[in-house]
Amino acid sequence: MLINEGTAVSTSKILLVPYESHHVPTYHEWMKDADLQEATASEPLSLEEEYAMQLNWRQDPDKLTFIVCLPTASSSSLTAGYEDSPIRMLGDVNLFLTTSDTQDSVIGEIELMIAVKSQQGHGYGRASLLAFLTYVAEHENGLLEEFVKERMVEEGLKLNELRVKIGEKNERSIGLFESVGFKRVEGGEEEDGENYFGEIELTIGGSWKGRVGERVEGYREVEYRSMNHGQT
């Protein structure tokens, strides 16, 4: 998506920046890890394929992506390559938009990954999720405008449901989403009747919009200046 192209989200506990081409080499190294591949149901890509994927995510109107970084004390604009340098990158958080089966609302599927193992279990996942949900709530209209325009679906739709699919053994992540109001879908099977990846699905209805903002200490959106060079 283009909506967050020049915006970073900063809180007292986390920094979210748009996924840019200079992040790709670090992301590529992360995704060589077999545990992350299993957790994200992903296949390893070549570096060239990873660059193509980054560009696709930037341009695709149904994918909102931020890179998760260590928090910054800066309250003004941020320049790419400094606060989001490789040693400060932690993971990513994404939203994938689709229309409901009845075509009368929009569903958002969230993916969250803290890729740096030494930084797992320190609250960065929770901080990222709450900051991300706040951003989505604040910009729901803009997100849907971009989605509707490019996908040529009916105007006036609302983002009435969020969902997440998590490996059944990942109790820490399941507990995180349950702690902010997500509920397990009974049965937890895919539409074809087979849960191939051994995932549990959790969902939350429209009530999520009023439940996150007050939990995010120091939330602010700041200008993010992208690099004018680099591979794309």
Protein backbone atom coordinates (compact mmCIF):
# COMPACT_ATOMS: atom_id res chain seq x y z
CA MET A 1 0.00 0.00 0.00
CA LEU A 2 1.03 3.58 -0.59
CA ILE A 3 -0.81 5.15 2.36
CA ASN A 4 2.10 4.67 4.79
CA GLU A 5 4.84 5.45 2.28
CA GLY A 6 6.05 8.53 4.14
CA THR A 7 4.88 7.74 7.67
CA ALA A 8 6.51 6.05 10.64
CA VAL A 9 4.69 5.12 13.83
CA SER A 10 6.62 5.81 17.02
CA THR A 11 5.70 4.88 20.59
CA SER A 12 7.65 4.67 23.83
CA LYS A 13 8.22 0.95 23.20
CA ILE A 14 8.48 0.44 19.44
CA LEU A 15 9.08 2.05 16.04
CA LEU A 16 7.25 1.00 12.88
CA VAL A 17 8.59 2.15 9.51
CA PRO A 18 7.46 1.44 5.93
CA TYR A 19 9.07 -1.61 4.35
CA GLU A 20 11.69 -0.20 1.96
CA SER A 21 14.27 -1.72 -0.35
CA HIS A 22 17.16 -1.12 2.07
CA HIS A 23 15.44 -3.44 4.56
CA VAL A 24 15.40 -6.35 2.12
CA PRO A 25 18.89 -7.83 2.77
CA THR A 26 18.19 -8.10 6.50
CA TYR A 27 14.70 -9.48 5.89
CA HIS A 28 16.18 -11.99 3.47
CA GLU A 29 18.63 -13.21 6.11
CA TRP A 30 15.82 -13.57 8.64
CA MET A 31 13.81 -15.74 6.31
CA LYS A 32 16.62 -18.25 5.88
CA ASP A 33 15.77 -19.47 9.38
CA ALA A 34 13.85 -22.75 9.30
CA ASP A 35 11.83 -21.90 12.42
CA LEU A 36 10.63 -18.62 10.90
CA GLN A 37 9.78 -20.37 7.64
CA GLU A 38 7.64 -22.83 9.57
CA ALA A 39 6.04 -20.16 11.75
CA THR A 40 5.11 -18.02 8.73
CA ALA A 41 4.33 -20.92 6.36
CA SER A 42 6.87 -19.42 3.96
CA GLU A 43 9.23 -20.78 1.35
CA PRO A 44 12.75 -19.31 1.08
CA LEU A 45 13.20 -16.79 -1.72
CA SER A 46 16.29 -15.61 -3.54
CA LEU A 47 17.46 -12.08 -2.78
CA GLU A 48 16.21 -10.95 -6.18
CA GLU A 49 12.79 -12.45 -5.46
CA GLU A 50 12.75 -10.75 -2.06
CA TYR A 51 13.33 -7.35 -3.70
CA ALA A 52 10.47 -8.04 -6.10
CA MET A 53 8.23 -9.02 -3.19
CA GLN A 54 9.05 -5.80 -1.32
CA LEU A 55 8.09 -3.72 -4.34
CA ASN A 56 4.90 -5.71 -4.78
CA TRP A 57 3.90 -5.15 -1.18
CA ARG A 58 4.55 -1.42 -1.56
CA GLN A 59 2.34 -1.13 -4.64
CA ASP A 60 -0.37 -3.68 -3.85
CA PRO A 61 -3.53 -1.95 -2.51
CA ASP A 62 -4.46 -4.81 -0.22
CA LYS A 63 -1.18 -5.15 1.73
CA LEU A 64 -0.09 -2.76 4.50
CA THR A 65 3.40 -3.49 5.81
CA PHE A 66 5.65 -2.00 8.48
CA ILE A 67 9.11 -3.06 9.63
CA VAL A 68 9.37 -3.30 13.41
CA CYS A 69 12.37 -1.53 14.93
CA LEU A 70 13.70 -0.62 18.35
CA PRO A 71 12.11 2.57 19.73
CA THR A 72 13.60 5.96 19.05
CA ALA A 73 13.68 9.13 21.15
CA SER A 74 13.33 11.32 18.05
CA SER A 75 10.08 13.27 17.92
CA SER A 76 10.66 14.87 14.54
CA SER A 77 11.04 13.36 11.09
CA LEU A 78 13.04 10.18 10.55
CA THR A 79 15.49 9.46 7.76
CA ALA A 80 15.67 5.97 6.31
CA GLY A 81 18.77 4.02 7.23
CA TYR A 82 19.33 5.49 10.68
CA GLU A 83 16.63 4.63 13.22
CA ASP A 84 15.77 1.63 11.01
CA SER A 85 19.31 0.40 10.37
CA PRO A 86 19.82 -3.39 10.31
CA ILE A 87 20.94 -3.58 13.94
CA ARG A 88 17.69 -1.87 15.00
CA MET A 89 15.33 -4.03 12.93
CA LEU A 90 13.30 -6.63 14.84
CA GLY A 91 10.63 -8.02 12.49
CA ASP A 92 7.53 -6.96 10.58
CA VAL A 93 3.77 -6.56 10.91
CA ASN A 94 1.29 -6.76 8.02
CA LEU A 95 -2.37 -6.37 7.15
CA PHE A 96 -3.90 -8.16 4.15
CA LEU A 97 -7.34 -6.93 3.06
CA THR A 98 -10.03 -9.03 1.38
CA THR A 99 -13.76 -8.67 0.94
CA SER A 100 -16.07 -10.93 2.92
CA ASP A 101 -17.82 -13.84 1.22
CA THR A 102 -20.97 -11.70 0.99
CA GLN A 103 -18.98 -8.76 -0.46
CA ASP A 104 -20.58 -6.36 2.06
CA SER A 105 -17.55 -5.74 4.32
CA VAL A 106 -13.77 -5.99 4.41
CA ILE A 107 -11.74 -8.46 6.45
CA GLY A 108 -8.16 -7.78 7.50
CA GLU A 109 -5.71 -10.60 8.18
CA ILE A 110 -2.78 -9.70 10.41
CA GLU A 111 0.69 -11.21 10.38
CA LEU A 112 3.22 -10.34 13.09
CA MET A 113 6.80 -11.55 13.34
CA ILE A 114 9.60 -10.70 15.76
CA ALA A 115 12.39 -12.30 13.79
CA VAL A 116 15.39 -11.56 16.01
CA LYS A 117 15.35 -14.44 18.48
CA SER A 118 17.31 -12.59 21.17
CA GLN A 119 14.56 -9.94 21.19
CA GLN A 120 11.64 -12.33 21.47
CA GLY A 121 9.77 -12.39 24.77
CA HIS A 122 10.58 -8.76 25.64
CA GLY A 123 7.21 -7.21 24.81
CA TYR A 124 8.08 -5.98 21.33
CA GLY A 125 5.39 -8.14 19.74
CA ARG A 126 2.67 -6.70 21.94
CA ALA A 127 3.92 -3.13 21.47
CA SER A 128 4.01 -3.64 17.69
CA LEU A 129 0.52 -5.11 17.56
CA LEU A 130 -1.06 -2.33 19.62
CA ALA A 131 0.70 0.43 17.67
CA PHE A 132 -0.28 -1.22 14.38
CA LEU A 133 -3.93 -1.64 15.40
CA THR A 134 -4.02 2.00 16.43
CA TYR A 135 -2.65 3.06 13.05
CA VAL A 136 -5.20 0.90 11.22
CA ALA A 137 -8.05 2.31 13.32
CA GLU A 138 -6.91 5.90 12.72
CA HIS A 139 -6.56 5.38 8.96
CA GLU A 140 -9.37 2.95 8.23
CA ASN A 141 -11.01 5.27 5.69
CA GLY A 142 -7.77 5.88 3.80
CA LEU A 143 -6.89 2.19 3.76
CA LEU A 144 -10.30 1.27 2.40
CA GLU A 145 -10.26 4.07 -0.17
CA GLU A 146 -7.01 2.74 -1.63
CA PHE A 147 -8.29 -0.84 -1.51
CA VAL A 148 -11.68 -0.05 -3.08
CA LYS A 149 -10.22 2.15 -5.82
CA GLU A 150 -7.74 -0.42 -7.08
CA ARG A 151 -9.85 -3.53 -6.51
CA MET A 152 -12.98 -1.93 -8.00
CA VAL A 153 -15.26 -3.17 -5.24
CA GLU A 154 -18.27 -1.41 -3.75
CA GLU A 155 -17.61 1.89 -1.96
CA GLY A 156 -18.70 2.44 1.63
CA LEU A 157 -17.42 -0.88 2.96
CA LYS A 158 -16.11 -1.06 6.52
CA LEU A 159 -13.31 -3.05 8.09
CA ASN A 160 -15.57 -5.05 10.38
CA GLU A 161 -13.34 -7.99 11.21
CA LEU A 162 -9.70 -8.76 11.85
CA ARG A 163 -8.27 -12.25 11.92
CA VAL A 164 -4.97 -13.99 12.44
CA LYS A 165 -3.74 -17.53 11.81
CA ILE A 166 -1.11 -18.86 14.20
CA GLY A 167 0.62 -22.22 14.48
CA GLU A 168 -1.14 -24.27 17.13
CA LYS A 169 2.11 -24.73 19.08
CA ASN A 170 2.85 -21.00 19.26
CA GLU A 171 1.11 -20.41 22.58
CA ARG A 172 2.95 -17.14 23.21
CA SER A 173 1.57 -15.55 20.04
CA ILE A 174 -1.89 -17.01 20.58
CA GLY A 175 -1.90 -15.57 24.10
CA LEU A 176 -0.84 -12.17 22.79
CA PHE A 177 -3.75 -11.89 20.38
CA GLU A 178 -6.21 -13.24 22.93
CA SER A 179 -5.03 -10.59 25.40
CA VAL A 180 -6.23 -7.81 23.09
CA GLY A 181 -9.62 -9.39 22.45
CA PHE A 182 -9.17 -11.92 19.64
CA LYS A 183 -11.22 -15.11 20.06
CA ARG A 184 -10.47 -18.58 18.73
CA VAL A 185 -12.66 -19.77 15.88
CA GLU A 186 -14.26 -23.02 16.95
CA GLY A 187 -13.13 -25.87 14.72
CA GLY A 188 -10.22 -23.87 13.29
CA GLU A 189 -10.31 -25.64 9.94
CA GLU A 190 -9.71 -24.19 6.52
CA GLU A 191 -12.54 -23.97 4.02
CA ASP A 192 -11.46 -27.21 2.35
CA GLY A 193 -11.84 -29.00 5.68
CA GLU A 194 -8.13 -29.50 6.25
CA ASN A 195 -5.88 -27.36 8.44
CA TYR A 196 -2.78 -28.12 6.39
CA PHE A 197 -0.41 -25.86 8.33
CA GLY A 198 -1.70 -26.81 11.78
CA GLU A 199 -2.93 -23.26 12.37
CA ILE A 200 -5.45 -21.84 14.80
CA GLU A 201 -7.58 -18.93 13.58
CA LEU A 202 -8.55 -16.08 15.89
CA THR A 203 -10.87 -13.20 15.04
CA ILE A 204 -12.17 -9.95 16.50
CA GLY A 205 -15.16 -7.92 15.34
CA GLY A 206 -15.60 -4.20 14.83
CA SER A 207 -15.31 -3.54 18.56
CA TRP A 208 -11.50 -3.66 18.24
CA LYS A 209 -11.44 -0.05 17.03
CA GLY A 210 -12.31 1.35 20.43
CA ARG A 211 -10.07 -0.93 22.45
CA VAL A 212 -6.50 -0.12 21.47
CA GLY A 213 -5.72 3.60 21.45
CA GLU A 214 -5.65 4.14 25.19
CA ARG A 215 -3.14 1.30 25.61
CA VAL A 216 -0.41 2.82 23.42
CA GLU A 217 1.88 5.09 25.40
CA GLY A 218 3.45 7.91 23.42
CA TYR A 219 1.79 7.03 20.10
CA ARG A 220 2.64 9.49 17.35
CA GLU A 221 3.03 9.46 13.59
CA VAL A 222 6.10 11.14 12.19
CA GLU A 223 7.42 11.91 8.73
CA TYR A 224 9.58 9.17 7.27
CA ARG A 225 12.03 10.23 4.54
CA SER A 226 12.86 7.33 2.26
CA MET A 227 16.20 6.81 0.59
CA ASN A 228 16.35 8.08 -2.99
CA HIS A 229 18.58 5.28 -4.11
CA GLY A 230 18.93 1.54 -3.70
CA GLN A 231 17.71 -1.52 -5.50
CA THR A 232 13.98 -1.91 -6.12
